[in-house]
C-alpha atoms as a PDB file:
ATOM      1  CA  UNK A   1       0.000   0.000   0.000  1.00  0.00           C
ATOM      2  CA  UNK A   2       2.824   2.422   0.841  1.00  0.00           C
ATOM      3  CA  UNK A   3       4.402   1.626  -2.515  1.00  0.00           C
ATOM      4  CA  UNK A   4       1.268   2.670  -4.371  1.00  0.00           C
ATOM      5  CA  UNK A   5       1.037   5.903  -2.383  1.00  0.00           C
ATOM      6  CA  UNK A   6       4.677   6.638  -3.160  1.00  0.00           C
ATOM      7  CA  UNK A   7       4.249   6.048  -6.888  1.00  0.00           C
ATOM      8  CA  UNK A   8       1.119   8.207  -6.950  1.00  0.00           C
ATOM      9  CA  UNK A   9       2.736  11.083  -5.053  1.00  0.00           C
ATOM     10  CA  UNK A  10       5.899  11.030  -7.192  1.00  0.00           C
ATOM     11  CA  UNK A  11       3.912  10.796 -10.422  1.00  0.00           C
ATOM     12  CA  UNK A  12       1.744  13.752  -9.333  1.00  0.00           C
ATOM     13  CA  UNK A  13       4.910  15.694  -8.511  1.00  0.00           C
ATOM     14  CA  UNK A  14       6.291  14.871 -11.977  1.00  0.00           C
ATOM     15  CA  UNK A  15       3.019  15.933 -13.589  1.00  0.00           C
ATOM     16  CA  UNK A  16       3.071  19.276 -11.724  1.00  0.00           C
ATOM     17  CA  UNK A  17       6.726  19.930 -12.567  1.00  0.00           C
ATOM     18  CA  UNK A  18       6.109  19.274 -16.258  1.00  0.00           C
ATOM     19  CA  UNK A  19       3.148  21.664 -16.236  1.00  0.00           C
ATOM     20  CA  UNK A  20       5.244  24.236 -14.383  1.00  0.00           C
ATOM     21  CA  UNK A  21       8.044  23.973 -16.951  1.00  0.00           C
ATOM     22  CA  UNK A  22       5.536  24.352 -19.784  1.00  0.00           C
ATOM     23  CA  UNK A  23       4.060  27.418 -18.088  1.00  0.00           C
ATOM     24  CA  UNK A  24       7.536  28.974 -17.868  1.00  0.00           C
ATOM     25  CA  UNK A  25       8.038  28.238 -21.566  1.00  0.00           C
ATOM     26  CA  UNK A  26       4.756  29.959 -22.458  1.00  0.00           C
ATOM     27  CA  UNK A  27       5.565  32.916 -20.231  1.00  0.00           C
ATOM     28  CA  UNK A  28       9.018  33.290 -21.798  1.00  0.00           C
ATOM     29  CA  UNK A  29       7.536  33.195 -25.294  1.00  0.00           C
ATOM     30  CA  UNK A  30       4.878  35.752 -24.347  1.00  0.00           C
ATOM     31  CA  UNK A  31       7.491  37.998 -22.732  1.00  0.00           C
ATOM     32  CA  UNK A  32       9.791  37.731 -25.771  1.00  0.00           C
ATOM     33  CA  UNK A  33       6.943  38.749 -28.071  1.00  0.00           C
ATOM     34  CA  UNK A  34       6.111  41.666 -25.795  1.00  0.00           C
ATOM     35  CA  UNK A  35       9.723  42.893 -25.854  1.00  0.00           C
ATOM     36  CA  UNK A  36       9.885  42.619 -29.642  1.00  0.00           C
ATOM     37  CA  UNK A  37       6.676  44.621 -29.913  1.00  0.00           C
ATOM     38  CA  UNK A  38       7.928  47.255 -27.470  1.00  0.00           C
ATOM     39  CA  UNK A  39      11.157  47.633 -29.443  1.00  0.00           C
ATOM     40  CA  UNK A  40       9.329  47.881 -32.754  1.00  0.00           C
ATOM     41  CA  UNK A  41       7.083  50.568 -31.283  1.00  0.00           C
ATOM     42  CA  UNK A  42      10.182  52.302 -29.907  1.00  0.00           C
ATOM     43  CA  UNK A  43       8.961  52.387 -26.321  1.00  0.00           C
ATOM     44  CA  UNK A  44      11.267  53.865 -23.702  1.00  0.00           C
ATOM     45  CA  UNK A  45      14.457  51.977 -22.926  1.00  0.00           C
ATOM     46  CA  UNK A  46      13.705  51.686 -19.209  1.00  0.00           C
ATOM     47  CA  UNK A  47      10.416  49.837 -19.824  1.00  0.00           C
ATOM     48  CA  UNK A  48      12.096  47.511 -22.292  1.00  0.00           C
ATOM     49  CA  UNK A  49      14.925  46.846 -19.847  1.00  0.00           C
ATOM     50  CA  UNK A  50      12.443  45.968 -17.093  1.00  0.00           C
ATOM     51  CA  UNK A  51      10.631  43.546 -19.397  1.00  0.00           C
ATOM     52  CA  UNK A  52      13.969  41.964 -20.326  1.00  0.00           C
ATOM     53  CA  UNK A  53      14.633  41.483 -16.608  1.00  0.00           C
ATOM     54  CA  UNK A  54      11.273  39.748 -16.241  1.00  0.00           C
ATOM     55  CA  UNK A  55      12.196  37.494 -19.175  1.00  0.00           C
ATOM     56  CA  UNK A  56      15.583  36.690 -17.637  1.00  0.00           C
ATOM     57  CA  UNK A  57      13.926  35.816 -14.335  1.00  0.00           C
ATOM     58  CA  UNK A  58      11.484  33.498 -16.094  1.00  0.00           C
ATOM     59  CA  UNK A  59      14.292  31.822 -18.031  1.00  0.00           C
ATOM     60  CA  UNK A  60      16.284  31.372 -14.837  1.00  0.00           C
ATOM     61  CA  UNK A  61      13.607  28.954 -13.628  1.00  0.00           C
ATOM     62  CA  UNK A  62      14.222  26.507 -16.502  1.00  0.00           C
ATOM     63  CA  UNK A  63      17.374  24.783 -15.158  1.00  0.00           C
ATOM     64  CA  UNK A  64      16.028  24.320 -11.638  1.00  0.00           C
ATOM     65  CA  UNK A  65      12.642  23.010 -12.736  1.00  0.00           C
ATOM     66  CA  UNK A  66      14.219  20.733 -15.318  1.00  0.00           C
ATOM     67  CA  UNK A  67      16.674  19.375 -12.762  1.00  0.00           C
ATOM     68  CA  UNK A  68      13.887  18.615 -10.311  1.00  0.00           C
ATOM     69  CA  UNK A  69      11.881  16.932 -13.078  1.00  0.00           C
ATOM     70  CA  UNK A  70      14.857  14.802 -14.136  1.00  0.00           C
ATOM     71  CA  UNK A  71      15.476  13.717 -10.542  1.00  0.00           C
ATOM     72  CA  UNK A  72      11.822  12.830  -9.948  1.00  0.00           C
ATOM     73  CA  UNK A  73      11.665  10.777 -13.161  1.00  0.00           C
ATOM     74  CA  UNK A  74      14.877   8.972 -12.212  1.00  0.00           C
ATOM     75  CA  UNK A  75      13.517   8.260  -8.729  1.00  0.00           C
ATOM     76  CA  UNK A  76      10.275   6.869 -10.123  1.00  0.00           C
ATOM     77  CA  UNK A  77      12.109   4.693 -12.644  1.00  0.00           C
ATOM     78  CA  UNK A  78      14.274   3.330  -9.822  1.00  0.00           C
ATOM     79  CA  UNK A  79      11.121   2.606  -7.864  1.00  0.00           C
ATOM     80  CA  UNK A  80       9.699   0.679 -10.839  1.00  0.00           C
ATOM     81  CA  UNK A  81      12.898  -1.357 -11.092  1.00  0.00           C
ATOM     82  CA  UNK A  82      12.929  -2.141  -7.369  1.00  0.00           C
ATOM     83  CA  UNK A  83       9.291  -3.254  -7.310  1.00  0.00           C
ATOM     84  CA  UNK A  84       9.027  -4.826 -10.758  1.00  0.00           C
ATOM     85  CA  UNK A  85       8.657  -8.297  -9.241  1.00  0.00           C
ATOM     86  CA  UNK A  86       5.587  -7.379  -7.191  1.00  0.00           C
ATOM     87  CA  UNK A  87       2.811  -8.523  -9.547  1.00  0.00           C
ATOM     88  CA  UNK A  88      -0.011  -6.996  -7.501  1.00  0.00           C
ATOM     89  CA  UNK A  89       1.748  -3.648  -7.493  1.00  0.00           C
ATOM     90  CA  UNK A  90       2.791  -3.750 -11.140  1.00  0.00           C
ATOM     91  CA  UNK A  91      -0.732  -4.614 -12.281  1.00  0.00           C
ATOM     92  CA  UNK A  92      -2.394  -1.836 -10.266  1.00  0.00           C
ATOM     93  CA  UNK A  93      -4.088   1.064 -12.009  1.00  0.00           C
ATOM     94  CA  UNK A  94      -2.030   3.529  -9.976  1.00  0.00           C
ATOM     95  CA  UNK A  95       1.247   1.993 -11.127  1.00  0.00           C
ATOM     96  CA  UNK A  96       0.083   2.008 -14.733  1.00  0.00           C
ATOM     97  CA  UNK A  97      -0.843   5.684 -14.456  1.00  0.00           C
ATOM     98  CA  UNK A  98       2.504   6.441 -12.802  1.00  0.00           C
ATOM     99  CA  UNK A  99       4.263   4.669 -15.678  1.00  0.00           C
ATOM    100  CA  UNK A 100       2.342   6.746 -18.228  1.00  0.00           C
ATOM    101  CA  UNK A 101       3.305   9.981 -16.420  1.00  0.00           C
ATOM    102  CA  UNK A 102       6.926   8.837 -16.194  1.00  0.00           C
ATOM    103  CA  UNK A 103       7.055   7.937 -19.893  1.00  0.00           C
ATOM    104  CA  UNK A 104       5.461  11.249 -20.867  1.00  0.00           C
ATOM    105  CA  UNK A 105       7.930  13.211 -18.747  1.00  0.00           C
ATOM    106  CA  UNK A 106      10.850  11.205 -20.163  1.00  0.00           C
ATOM    107  CA  UNK A 107       9.731  12.053 -23.698  1.00  0.00           C
ATOM    108  CA  UNK A 108       9.348  15.685 -22.698  1.00  0.00           C
ATOM    109  CA  UNK A 109      12.880  15.746 -21.272  1.00  0.00           C
ATOM    110  CA  UNK A 110      14.243  14.151 -24.456  1.00  0.00           C
ATOM    111  CA  UNK A 111      12.545  16.858 -26.509  1.00  0.00           C
ATOM    112  CA  UNK A 112      14.152  19.496 -24.297  1.00  0.00           C
ATOM    113  CA  UNK A 113      17.549  17.867 -24.738  1.00  0.00           C
ATOM    114  CA  UNK A 114      17.077  18.045 -28.502  1.00  0.00           C
ATOM    115  CA  UNK A 115      16.487  21.804 -28.422  1.00  0.00           C
END
Protein backbone atom coordinates (compact mmCIF):
# COMPACT_ATOMS: atom_id res chain seq x y z
CA UNK A 1 0.00 0.00 0.00
CA UNK A 2 2.82 2.42 0.84
CA UNK A 3 4.40 1.63 -2.51
CA UNK A 4 1.27 2.67 -4.37
CA UNK A 5 1.04 5.90 -2.38
CA UNK A 6 4.68 6.64 -3.16
CA UNK A 7 4.25 6.05 -6.89
CA UNK A 8 1.12 8.21 -6.95
CA UNK A 9 2.74 11.08 -5.05
CA UNK A 10 5.90 11.03 -7.19
CA UNK A 11 3.91 10.80 -10.42
CA UNK A 12 1.74 13.75 -9.33
CA UNK A 13 4.91 15.69 -8.51
CA UNK A 14 6.29 14.87 -11.98
CA UNK A 15 3.02 15.93 -13.59
CA UNK A 16 3.07 19.28 -11.72
CA UNK A 17 6.73 19.93 -12.57
CA UNK A 18 6.11 19.27 -16.26
CA UNK A 19 3.15 21.66 -16.24
CA UNK A 20 5.24 24.24 -14.38
CA UNK A 21 8.04 23.97 -16.95
CA UNK A 22 5.54 24.35 -19.78
CA UNK A 23 4.06 27.42 -18.09
CA UNK A 24 7.54 28.97 -17.87
CA UNK A 25 8.04 28.24 -21.57
CA UNK A 26 4.76 29.96 -22.46
CA UNK A 27 5.56 32.92 -20.23
CA UNK A 28 9.02 33.29 -21.80
CA UNK A 29 7.54 33.19 -25.29
CA UNK A 30 4.88 35.75 -24.35
CA UNK A 31 7.49 38.00 -22.73
CA UNK A 32 9.79 37.73 -25.77
CA UNK A 33 6.94 38.75 -28.07
CA UNK A 34 6.11 41.67 -25.79
CA UNK A 35 9.72 42.89 -25.85
CA UNK A 36 9.89 42.62 -29.64
CA UNK A 37 6.68 44.62 -29.91
CA UNK A 38 7.93 47.25 -27.47
CA UNK A 39 11.16 47.63 -29.44
CA UNK A 40 9.33 47.88 -32.75
CA UNK A 41 7.08 50.57 -31.28
CA UNK A 42 10.18 52.30 -29.91
CA UNK A 43 8.96 52.39 -26.32
CA UNK A 44 11.27 53.86 -23.70
CA UNK A 45 14.46 51.98 -22.93
CA UNK A 46 13.71 51.69 -19.21
CA UNK A 47 10.42 49.84 -19.82
CA UNK A 48 12.10 47.51 -22.29
CA UNK A 49 14.93 46.85 -19.85
CA UNK A 50 12.44 45.97 -17.09
CA UNK A 51 10.63 43.55 -19.40
CA UNK A 52 13.97 41.96 -20.33
CA UNK A 53 14.63 41.48 -16.61
CA UNK A 54 11.27 39.75 -16.24
CA UNK A 55 12.20 37.49 -19.17
CA UNK A 56 15.58 36.69 -17.64
CA UNK A 57 13.93 35.82 -14.33
CA UNK A 58 11.48 33.50 -16.09
CA UNK A 59 14.29 31.82 -18.03
CA UNK A 60 16.28 31.37 -14.84
CA UNK A 61 13.61 28.95 -13.63
CA UNK A 62 14.22 26.51 -16.50
CA UNK A 63 17.37 24.78 -15.16
CA UNK A 64 16.03 24.32 -11.64
CA UNK A 65 12.64 23.01 -12.74
CA UNK A 66 14.22 20.73 -15.32
CA UNK A 67 16.67 19.38 -12.76
CA UNK A 68 13.89 18.62 -10.31
CA UNK A 69 11.88 16.93 -13.08
CA UNK A 70 14.86 14.80 -14.14
CA UNK A 71 15.48 13.72 -10.54
CA UNK A 72 11.82 12.83 -9.95
CA UNK A 73 11.66 10.78 -13.16
CA UNK A 74 14.88 8.97 -12.21
CA UNK A 75 13.52 8.26 -8.73
CA UNK A 76 10.27 6.87 -10.12
CA UNK A 77 12.11 4.69 -12.64
CA UNK A 78 14.27 3.33 -9.82
CA UNK A 79 11.12 2.61 -7.86
CA UNK A 80 9.70 0.68 -10.84
CA UNK A 81 12.90 -1.36 -11.09
CA UNK A 82 12.93 -2.14 -7.37
CA UNK A 83 9.29 -3.25 -7.31
CA UNK A 84 9.03 -4.83 -10.76
CA UNK A 85 8.66 -8.30 -9.24
CA UNK A 86 5.59 -7.38 -7.19
CA UNK A 87 2.81 -8.52 -9.55
CA UNK A 88 -0.01 -7.00 -7.50
CA UNK A 89 1.75 -3.65 -7.49
CA UNK A 90 2.79 -3.75 -11.14
CA UNK A 91 -0.73 -4.61 -12.28
CA UNK A 92 -2.39 -1.84 -10.27
CA UNK A 93 -4.09 1.06 -12.01
CA UNK A 94 -2.03 3.53 -9.98
CA UNK A 95 1.25 1.99 -11.13
CA UNK A 96 0.08 2.01 -14.73
CA UNK A 97 -0.84 5.68 -14.46
CA UNK A 98 2.50 6.44 -12.80
CA UNK A 99 4.26 4.67 -15.68
CA UNK A 100 2.34 6.75 -18.23
CA UNK A 101 3.30 9.98 -16.42
CA UNK A 102 6.93 8.84 -16.19
CA UNK A 103 7.05 7.94 -19.89
CA UNK A 104 5.46 11.25 -20.87
CA UNK A 105 7.93 13.21 -18.75
CA UNK A 106 10.85 11.20 -20.16
CA UNK A 107 9.73 12.05 -23.70
CA UNK A 108 9.35 15.68 -22.70
CA UNK A 109 12.88 15.75 -21.27
CA UNK A 110 14.24 14.15 -24.46
CA UNK A 111 12.55 16.86 -26.51
CA UNK A 112 14.15 19.50 -24.30
CA UNK A 113 17.55 17.87 -24.74
CA UNK A 114 17.08 18.04 -28.50
CA UNK A 115 16.49 21.80 -28.42
